[in-house]
Amino acid sequence: MTTDAEDIQQLKIEVARQGQILDAIAKQLGIGQGALLMSSTSGPPADVVDALHAGNTILAIKNWRAHTNSSLAEAKHAVEELERGLR
């Protein structure tokens, strides 16, 4: 039987792995992860959009990283891409 902490650690590992898979798919398609997520039926994460509407780009990038497990540079690029699409 595993502990809650071990289960959480395994989930974190799986989320990171899924992020890497999304990165690989986006790279293969020649698009950014932001465009990949925006093309999904669910759209971009609501907290990222809310932060952008509030003029808080830094929070939007932070939230993006939390959702996608992307690097700072990737998150900044994705949020800028999203911001251009919202204008």
C-alpha atoms as a PDB file:
ATOM      1  CA  MET A   1       0.000   0.000   0.000  1.00  0.00           C
ATOM      2  CA  THR A   2       1.334   3.435  -0.914  1.00  0.00           C
ATOM      3  CA  THR A   3       1.109   6.581   1.122  1.00  0.00           C
ATOM      4  CA  ASP A   4      -0.629   9.745  -0.040  1.00  0.00           C
ATOM      5  CA  ALA A   5       2.764  11.426  -0.455  1.00  0.00           C
ATOM      6  CA  GLU A   6       3.949   8.589  -2.710  1.00  0.00           C
ATOM      7  CA  ASP A   7       0.745   8.768  -4.743  1.00  0.00           C
ATOM      8  CA  ILE A   8       1.162  12.539  -5.154  1.00  0.00           C
ATOM      9  CA  GLN A   9       4.768  12.083  -6.254  1.00  0.00           C
ATOM     10  CA  GLN A  10       3.693   9.497  -8.845  1.00  0.00           C
ATOM     11  CA  LEU A  11       1.021  11.874 -10.128  1.00  0.00           C
ATOM     12  CA  LYS A  12       3.580  14.673 -10.436  1.00  0.00           C
ATOM     13  CA  ILE A  13       5.830  12.365 -12.445  1.00  0.00           C
ATOM     14  CA  GLU A  14       2.924  11.410 -14.708  1.00  0.00           C
ATOM     15  CA  VAL A  15       1.911  15.053 -15.255  1.00  0.00           C
ATOM     16  CA  ALA A  16       5.507  15.885 -16.194  1.00  0.00           C
ATOM     17  CA  ARG A  17       5.547  12.943 -18.620  1.00  0.00           C
ATOM     18  CA  GLN A  18       2.285  14.096 -20.194  1.00  0.00           C
ATOM     19  CA  GLY A  19       3.757  17.592 -20.581  1.00  0.00           C
ATOM     20  CA  GLN A  20       6.740  16.114 -22.403  1.00  0.00           C
ATOM     21  CA  ILE A  21       4.400  14.212 -24.696  1.00  0.00           C
ATOM     22  CA  LEU A  22       2.487  17.417 -25.483  1.00  0.00           C
ATOM     23  CA  ASP A  23       5.773  19.202 -26.167  1.00  0.00           C
ATOM     24  CA  ALA A  24       6.810  16.444 -28.565  1.00  0.00           C
ATOM     25  CA  ILE A  25       3.457  16.538 -30.368  1.00  0.00           C
ATOM     26  CA  ALA A  26       3.561  20.332 -30.664  1.00  0.00           C
ATOM     27  CA  LYS A  27       7.127  20.195 -31.970  1.00  0.00           C
ATOM     28  CA  GLN A  28       6.194  17.525 -34.516  1.00  0.00           C
ATOM     29  CA  LEU A  29       3.290  19.672 -35.709  1.00  0.00           C
ATOM     30  CA  GLY A  30       5.528  22.733 -35.840  1.00  0.00           C
ATOM     31  CA  ILE A  31       3.388  24.732 -33.448  1.00  0.00           C
ATOM     32  CA  GLY A  32       3.800  25.983 -29.921  1.00  0.00           C
ATOM     33  CA  GLN A  33       2.216  24.196 -26.998  1.00  0.00           C
ATOM     34  CA  GLY A  34      -0.037  27.224 -26.583  1.00  0.00           C
ATOM     35  CA  ALA A  35      -1.489  26.775 -30.046  1.00  0.00           C
ATOM     36  CA  LEU A  36      -1.899  23.077 -29.367  1.00  0.00           C
ATOM     37  CA  LEU A  37      -3.844  23.710 -26.162  1.00  0.00           C
ATOM     38  CA  MET A  38      -5.887  26.521 -27.722  1.00  0.00           C
ATOM     39  CA  SER A  39      -6.956  24.174 -30.512  1.00  0.00           C
ATOM     40  CA  SER A  40      -8.397  21.692 -28.025  1.00  0.00           C
ATOM     41  CA  THR A  41     -12.097  21.725 -27.307  1.00  0.00           C
ATOM     42  CA  SER A  42     -11.582  23.049 -23.793  1.00  0.00           C
ATOM     43  CA  GLY A  43      -9.541  26.061 -24.877  1.00  0.00           C
ATOM     44  CA  PRO A  44      -6.867  27.722 -22.773  1.00  0.00           C
ATOM     45  CA  PRO A  45      -7.017  27.427 -18.984  1.00  0.00           C
ATOM     46  CA  ALA A  46      -9.486  29.910 -17.496  1.00  0.00           C
ATOM     47  CA  ASP A  47      -7.083  31.196 -14.844  1.00  0.00           C
ATOM     48  CA  VAL A  48      -4.545  32.088 -17.545  1.00  0.00           C
ATOM     49  CA  VAL A  49      -7.165  33.989 -19.534  1.00  0.00           C
ATOM     50  CA  ASP A  50      -8.440  35.704 -16.379  1.00  0.00           C
ATOM     51  CA  ALA A  51      -4.909  36.828 -15.472  1.00  0.00           C
ATOM     52  CA  LEU A  52      -4.408  38.242 -18.970  1.00  0.00           C
ATOM     53  CA  HIS A  53      -7.709  40.108 -18.841  1.00  0.00           C
ATOM     54  CA  ALA A  54      -6.595  41.563 -15.493  1.00  0.00           C
ATOM     55  CA  GLY A  55      -3.335  42.710 -17.118  1.00  0.00           C
ATOM     56  CA  ASN A  56      -1.226  40.327 -15.031  1.00  0.00           C
ATOM     57  CA  THR A  57       1.044  38.641 -17.565  1.00  0.00           C
ATOM     58  CA  ILE A  58       3.401  37.283 -14.911  1.00  0.00           C
ATOM     59  CA  LEU A  59       0.556  35.453 -13.165  1.00  0.00           C
ATOM     60  CA  ALA A  60      -0.676  34.174 -16.537  1.00  0.00           C
ATOM     61  CA  ILE A  61       2.782  32.732 -17.251  1.00  0.00           C
ATOM     62  CA  LYS A  62       2.958  31.202 -13.773  1.00  0.00           C
ATOM     63  CA  ASN A  63      -0.460  29.623 -14.212  1.00  0.00           C
ATOM     64  CA  TRP A  64       0.455  28.376 -17.686  1.00  0.00           C
ATOM     65  CA  ARG A  65       3.539  26.670 -16.297  1.00  0.00           C
ATOM     66  CA  ALA A  66       1.423  25.036 -13.600  1.00  0.00           C
ATOM     67  CA  HIS A  67      -0.943  23.630 -16.232  1.00  0.00           C
ATOM     68  CA  THR A  68       1.628  22.551 -18.821  1.00  0.00           C
ATOM     69  CA  ASN A  69       4.838  21.882 -16.895  1.00  0.00           C
ATOM     70  CA  SER A  70       6.614  23.956 -19.550  1.00  0.00           C
ATOM     71  CA  SER A  71       9.799  25.950 -19.187  1.00  0.00           C
ATOM     72  CA  LEU A  72       9.679  29.664 -18.439  1.00  0.00           C
ATOM     73  CA  ALA A  73      10.592  30.524 -22.033  1.00  0.00           C
ATOM     74  CA  GLU A  74       7.955  28.165 -23.458  1.00  0.00           C
ATOM     75  CA  ALA A  75       5.300  29.500 -21.091  1.00  0.00           C
ATOM     76  CA  LYS A  76       6.171  33.119 -21.920  1.00  0.00           C
ATOM     77  CA  HIS A  77       5.919  32.381 -25.640  1.00  0.00           C
ATOM     78  CA  ALA A  78       2.617  30.515 -25.225  1.00  0.00           C
ATOM     79  CA  VAL A  79       1.075  33.278 -23.105  1.00  0.00           C
ATOM     80  CA  GLU A  80       2.197  35.942 -25.575  1.00  0.00           C
ATOM     81  CA  GLU A  81       0.641  33.846 -28.364  1.00  0.00           C
ATOM     82  CA  LEU A  82      -2.574  33.552 -26.374  1.00  0.00           C
ATOM     83  CA  GLU A  83      -2.568  37.267 -25.565  1.00  0.00           C
ATOM     84  CA  ARG A  84      -2.314  38.144 -29.271  1.00  0.00           C
ATOM     85  CA  GLY A  85      -5.270  35.841 -29.957  1.00  0.00           C
ATOM     86  CA  LEU A  86      -7.371  37.567 -27.285  1.00  0.00           C
ATOM     87  CA  ARG A  87      -6.938  41.048 -28.774  1.00  0.00           C
END
